[in-house]
Amino acid sequence: MITRNRSTQAFDATGQPSDVAKLVWIVILALAGMGGSLVISCVTPFVALAVALVGPLRLRVALRAMTAIWLTNQFIGFAFFHFPRTPNTVLWGFAIGAAAMLSTVAASIVIKRSVFPTVLGLGFALLVAYAIYEVALLVTALFLGGIETFSLSTIARLGLVNLFWLVGLVVLNELVVVLCKAWLGRMPRLLRAS
C-alpha cells in the first residue's frame, strides 16, 4: 500500500524509504565518488562507498551503483588524468572494479549478519571489506606488476582515507535524512536505530 506524506512524496506504508529516496542516496554517493576521483587523483574510496551503499540498500542495487561509480572513476582517470592507454592499465582498471565489487559483497555480508551495534557494525564491515579489497589488488599485482606499492604505510594510509570518507558519508547521510525529509519522506539511513 502506498501512502502520501504532506509533501506528496510517496513512501512505503511500512515506513521504508521510497525508491526515489534510495535513488537520491545513490546519486549522492556517485557524486561523492566522482568528487573523490577528481580531488585525490582518481583514488576513489571504493570501500567506504561500498559500506555506505550496502548499509541502507539491497546488495543488487549496491552492486549496480558501485559499477556506475567504478565506470565514472575509470572515465575520469582516462579523460582527465591521462592514464596510459595500455593493456596493463586497462587490466588494472578491471581489477580495481572487481575488488570494489568483492568489497561491496563482503560489506553486505558483514552488515547483514552483524551482531554489533550499528556504528561498530559499519566499522567492522569497513575493516573486512578493506582487507578483501587490498588482498584482491595484491593478488593482481603478482600478475600485472606493482607489488612494490603495497607497503604497510601505503595500505594504512589508504585505509585511513576510507575510514575518514566513511565517517564523512555517515555525517552526510544524517544531514540528508534531516534536510530531505520534507521532500522525500524517509531516507535510507546508515545509522539505523539499534
Protein backbone atom coordinates (compact mmCIF):
# COMPACT_ATOMS: atom_id res chain seq x y z
CA MET A 1 0.00 0.00 0.00
CA ILE A 2 1.31 3.42 -0.94
CA THR A 3 0.51 6.46 1.15
CA ARG A 4 1.40 10.11 0.74
CA ASN A 5 3.09 12.41 3.22
CA ARG A 6 2.31 16.13 3.41
CA SER A 7 4.75 16.97 0.64
CA THR A 8 3.02 14.43 -1.65
CA GLN A 9 6.09 12.24 -1.97
CA ALA A 10 5.42 8.51 -1.96
CA PHE A 11 6.75 6.30 0.76
CA ASP A 12 6.08 2.73 1.68
CA ALA A 13 3.35 2.19 4.28
CA THR A 14 5.83 0.10 6.29
CA GLY A 15 7.93 3.22 6.80
CA GLN A 16 10.68 2.10 4.45
CA PRO A 17 12.47 4.66 2.27
CA SER A 18 10.87 5.28 -1.11
CA ASP A 19 12.59 4.28 -4.33
CA VAL A 20 13.11 7.97 -5.06
CA ALA A 21 14.82 8.48 -1.69
CA LYS A 22 17.07 5.47 -2.37
CA LEU A 23 17.91 6.87 -5.80
CA VAL A 24 18.81 10.24 -4.24
CA TRP A 25 21.20 8.48 -1.83
CA ILE A 26 22.80 6.56 -4.71
CA VAL A 27 23.23 9.79 -6.70
CA ILE A 28 24.81 11.50 -3.67
CA LEU A 29 27.28 8.62 -3.29
CA ALA A 30 28.05 8.60 -7.03
CA LEU A 31 28.74 12.34 -6.92
CA ALA A 32 30.93 11.82 -3.84
CA GLY A 33 32.86 9.12 -5.69
CA MET A 34 33.26 11.37 -8.71
CA GLY A 35 34.41 14.23 -6.50
CA GLY A 36 36.86 11.92 -4.76
CA SER A 37 38.24 10.82 -8.12
CA LEU A 38 38.79 14.41 -9.17
CA VAL A 39 40.13 15.72 -5.84
CA ILE A 40 42.51 12.94 -4.85
CA SER A 41 43.79 11.98 -8.28
CA CYS A 42 41.49 9.08 -9.01
CA VAL A 43 41.99 7.37 -5.64
CA THR A 44 38.29 6.75 -5.09
CA PRO A 45 37.45 5.38 -1.62
CA PHE A 46 35.64 2.37 -3.06
CA VAL A 47 35.43 0.51 0.26
CA ALA A 48 33.86 3.42 2.14
CA LEU A 49 31.39 3.86 -0.71
CA ALA A 50 30.64 0.10 -0.64
CA VAL A 51 29.77 0.24 3.06
CA ALA A 52 27.68 3.39 2.54
CA LEU A 53 25.79 1.67 -0.28
CA VAL A 54 25.06 -1.68 1.36
CA GLY A 55 24.22 -0.21 4.75
CA PRO A 56 20.77 1.00 3.70
CA LEU A 57 20.31 -0.68 0.29
CA ARG A 58 19.93 -4.18 -1.12
CA LEU A 59 23.09 -5.83 -2.45
CA ARG A 60 21.88 -5.95 -6.06
CA VAL A 61 21.19 -2.20 -6.06
CA ALA A 62 24.52 -1.51 -4.34
CA LEU A 63 26.44 -3.55 -6.95
CA ARG A 64 24.80 -1.64 -9.80
CA ALA A 65 25.64 1.66 -8.13
CA MET A 66 29.23 0.52 -7.48
CA THR A 67 29.54 -0.41 -11.16
CA ALA A 68 28.46 3.11 -12.12
CA ILE A 69 30.89 4.65 -9.63
CA TRP A 70 33.74 2.46 -10.92
CA LEU A 71 32.96 3.29 -14.57
CA THR A 72 32.89 7.00 -13.72
CA ASN A 73 36.23 6.63 -11.93
CA GLN A 74 37.74 4.96 -14.99
CA PHE A 75 36.37 7.64 -17.32
CA ILE A 76 37.84 10.38 -15.13
CA GLY A 77 41.18 8.60 -14.99
CA PHE A 78 41.49 8.21 -18.74
CA ALA A 79 39.88 11.53 -19.72
CA PHE A 80 41.27 13.93 -17.12
CA PHE A 81 44.34 12.27 -15.63
CA HIS A 82 45.50 10.84 -18.95
CA PHE A 83 46.03 7.27 -17.75
CA PRO A 84 48.16 5.47 -20.33
CA ARG A 85 46.05 3.50 -22.76
CA THR A 86 47.92 0.24 -22.36
CA PRO A 87 46.66 -3.31 -21.80
CA ASN A 88 48.22 -3.28 -18.32
CA THR A 89 46.35 -0.12 -17.30
CA VAL A 90 43.07 -1.49 -18.63
CA LEU A 91 43.60 -4.77 -16.76
CA TRP A 92 44.36 -2.82 -13.57
CA GLY A 93 41.12 -0.91 -14.10
CA PHE A 94 39.15 -4.15 -14.32
CA ALA A 95 40.97 -5.49 -11.25
CA ILE A 96 40.01 -2.38 -9.27
CA GLY A 97 36.41 -2.83 -10.40
CA ALA A 98 36.42 -6.49 -9.36
CA ALA A 99 37.97 -5.60 -5.99
CA ALA A 100 35.31 -2.91 -5.49
CA MET A 101 32.57 -5.47 -6.22
CA LEU A 102 34.13 -8.02 -3.85
CA SER A 103 34.36 -5.40 -1.11
CA THR A 104 30.71 -4.49 -1.69
CA VAL A 105 29.64 -8.13 -1.29
CA ALA A 106 31.84 -8.52 1.80
CA ALA A 107 30.46 -5.35 3.40
CA SER A 108 26.91 -6.54 2.70
CA ILE A 109 27.51 -9.91 4.34
CA VAL A 110 29.12 -8.35 7.41
CA ILE A 111 26.42 -5.70 7.84
CA LYS A 112 23.52 -8.11 7.32
CA ARG A 113 24.94 -10.63 9.82
CA SER A 114 26.44 -8.19 12.28
CA VAL A 115 25.76 -8.67 15.97
CA PHE A 116 27.43 -5.34 16.73
CA PRO A 117 25.60 -2.06 17.27
CA THR A 118 25.30 -0.03 14.06
CA VAL A 119 28.47 2.08 14.40
CA LEU A 120 30.65 -0.91 15.30
CA GLY A 121 28.99 -2.95 12.56
CA LEU A 122 29.82 -0.31 9.96
CA GLY A 123 33.40 -0.15 11.25
CA PHE A 124 33.79 -3.92 11.16
CA ALA A 125 32.28 -4.04 7.66
CA LEU A 126 34.80 -1.40 6.55
CA LEU A 127 37.67 -3.39 8.04
CA VAL A 128 36.68 -6.70 6.43
CA ALA A 129 35.79 -5.12 3.08
CA TYR A 130 39.06 -3.17 3.02
CA ALA A 131 41.08 -6.31 3.75
CA ILE A 132 39.37 -8.14 0.88
CA TYR A 133 39.85 -5.16 -1.43
CA GLU A 134 43.57 -4.96 -0.68
CA VAL A 135 44.11 -8.73 -0.96
CA ALA A 136 42.37 -8.75 -4.35
CA LEU A 137 44.64 -5.94 -5.56
CA LEU A 138 47.73 -7.63 -4.09
CA VAL A 139 46.93 -10.82 -6.00
CA THR A 140 46.51 -8.71 -9.14
CA ALA A 141 49.91 -7.09 -8.53
CA LEU A 142 51.52 -10.53 -8.50
CA PHE A 143 50.44 -10.93 -12.14
CA LEU A 144 50.43 -7.37 -13.50
CA GLY A 145 53.27 -5.85 -11.50
CA GLY A 146 53.25 -3.11 -8.91
CA ILE A 147 53.81 -5.22 -5.82
CA GLU A 148 56.19 -2.55 -4.51
CA THR A 149 53.24 -0.20 -3.95
CA PHE A 150 51.86 -2.49 -1.24
CA SER A 151 53.89 -1.16 1.66
CA LEU A 152 52.35 -1.22 5.12
CA SER A 153 52.39 2.58 5.26
CA THR A 154 50.54 2.90 1.94
CA ILE A 155 47.93 0.33 2.93
CA ALA A 156 47.44 2.04 6.30
CA ARG A 157 47.18 5.49 4.69
CA LEU A 158 44.57 4.32 2.18
CA GLY A 159 42.72 2.54 4.99
CA LEU A 160 42.58 5.82 6.92
CA VAL A 161 41.35 7.61 3.79
CA ASN A 162 38.48 5.10 3.57
CA LEU A 163 37.76 5.44 7.30
CA PHE A 164 37.60 9.25 7.07
CA TRP A 165 35.40 9.00 4.00
CA LEU A 166 33.03 6.61 5.75
CA VAL A 167 32.75 8.95 8.74
CA GLY A 168 32.06 11.82 6.34
CA LEU A 169 29.46 9.77 4.48
CA VAL A 170 27.71 8.85 7.74
CA VAL A 171 27.57 12.55 8.68
CA LEU A 172 26.36 13.43 5.18
CA ASN A 173 23.73 10.70 5.40
CA GLU A 174 22.42 12.06 8.69
CA LEU A 175 22.24 15.57 7.20
CA VAL A 176 20.38 14.30 4.15
CA VAL A 177 17.95 12.38 6.39
CA VAL A 178 17.10 15.60 8.24
CA LEU A 179 17.19 18.05 5.33
CA CYS A 180 15.37 15.97 2.72
CA LYS A 181 12.60 14.52 4.88
CA ALA A 182 10.14 17.20 3.85
CA TRP A 183 10.67 16.44 0.14
CA LEU A 184 11.38 12.74 0.06
CA GLY A 185 9.93 11.30 3.25
CA ARG A 186 12.04 8.64 4.94
CA MET A 187 15.60 8.46 3.58
CA PRO A 188 17.89 5.41 3.66
CA ARG A 189 19.97 5.59 6.86
CA LEU A 190 23.39 4.23 7.64
CA LEU A 191 22.83 4.68 11.37
CA ARG A 192 19.58 2.86 11.90
CA ALA A 193 18.17 2.79 15.41
CA SER A 194 19.52 -0.32 17.10
